[in-house]
Amino acid sequence: MKHKTSKIVITSVLLSLSHYAAAEDCFGIALAGENDCATSLNSCAGHSLEDAQADAYIDLPSQPLKPPTTT
């Protein structure tokens, strides 16, 4: 059981890292309180003071999302 738990933890870590590798910092579009990192006015994620604050960003996928196809 211990070995299985280790595999799950390692897989989770790798998947979370792959998310950040495929993300792009998009500045000036985050809503107030929805930023992903510190800004010049605050020291923590989720603390931006206004919508579209120039130095606040959110991580978005670097590849455009494709709409689901229907057949």
Protein backbone atom coordinates (compact mmCIF):
# COMPACT_ATOMS: atom_id res chain seq x y z
CA MET A 1 0.00 0.00 0.00
CA LYS A 2 2.85 2.38 0.81
CA HIS A 3 4.34 1.91 -2.68
CA LYS A 4 0.99 2.63 -4.34
CA THR A 5 0.59 5.83 -2.31
CA SER A 6 4.07 6.98 -3.35
CA LYS A 7 3.21 6.46 -7.02
CA ILE A 8 0.04 8.51 -6.63
CA VAL A 9 1.91 11.36 -4.93
CA ILE A 10 4.67 11.40 -7.55
CA THR A 11 2.12 11.36 -10.38
CA SER A 12 0.21 14.24 -8.79
CA VAL A 13 3.36 16.33 -8.45
CA LEU A 14 4.38 15.69 -12.06
CA LEU A 15 0.93 16.59 -13.35
CA SER A 16 0.88 19.82 -11.36
CA LEU A 17 4.32 20.75 -12.70
CA SER A 18 3.23 20.06 -16.27
CA HIS A 19 0.36 22.50 -15.73
CA TYR A 20 2.81 25.30 -14.96
CA ALA A 21 5.10 24.38 -17.86
CA ALA A 22 2.20 24.82 -20.27
CA ALA A 23 0.95 28.06 -18.70
CA GLU A 24 1.58 31.64 -19.66
CA ASP A 25 1.50 34.68 -17.37
CA CYS A 26 -1.21 37.01 -18.68
CA PHE A 27 -0.83 40.48 -17.14
CA GLY A 28 -3.59 43.05 -16.78
CA ILE A 29 -6.59 40.75 -17.16
CA ALA A 30 -7.06 39.32 -13.66
CA LEU A 31 -10.11 40.32 -11.67
CA ALA A 32 -9.63 41.88 -8.24
CA GLY A 33 -8.57 39.20 -5.80
CA GLU A 34 -8.00 36.58 -8.52
CA ASN A 35 -4.30 37.12 -9.37
CA ASP A 36 -1.86 34.18 -9.28
CA CYS A 37 1.18 35.88 -7.73
CA ALA A 38 2.39 38.87 -5.72
CA THR A 39 2.29 42.37 -7.21
CA SER A 40 4.03 45.64 -6.35
CA LEU A 41 1.13 46.51 -4.04
CA ASN A 42 0.72 43.17 -2.23
CA SER A 43 2.75 40.14 -1.29
CA CYS A 44 0.40 37.27 -2.01
CA ALA A 45 -1.70 35.65 -4.70
CA GLY A 46 -5.37 36.53 -4.61
CA HIS A 47 -4.84 40.00 -3.18
CA SER A 48 -4.94 42.32 -6.20
CA LEU A 49 -6.95 45.42 -5.44
CA GLU A 50 -8.69 46.16 -8.75
CA ASP A 51 -9.78 44.51 -11.97
CA ALA A 52 -7.17 44.58 -14.75
CA GLN A 53 -4.38 45.75 -12.43
CA ALA A 54 -1.36 46.14 -14.74
CA ASP A 55 1.14 44.18 -12.62
CA ALA A 56 -1.26 41.37 -11.59
CA TYR A 57 -1.43 38.26 -13.71
CA ILE A 58 -3.19 34.93 -14.02
CA ASP A 59 -1.77 31.76 -15.53
CA LEU A 60 -3.55 30.64 -18.68
CA PRO A 61 -2.74 27.73 -20.99
CA SER A 62 -0.19 28.75 -23.59
CA GLN A 63 -2.06 26.75 -26.23
CA PRO A 64 -5.50 28.03 -27.19
CA LEU A 65 -8.31 25.84 -25.95
CA LYS A 66 -10.25 24.06 -28.64
CA PRO A 67 -14.02 23.77 -28.41
CA PRO A 68 -15.36 20.23 -28.16
CA THR A 69 -16.25 18.67 -31.49
CA THR A 70 -19.60 17.07 -32.08
CA THR A 71 -20.39 14.38 -34.61
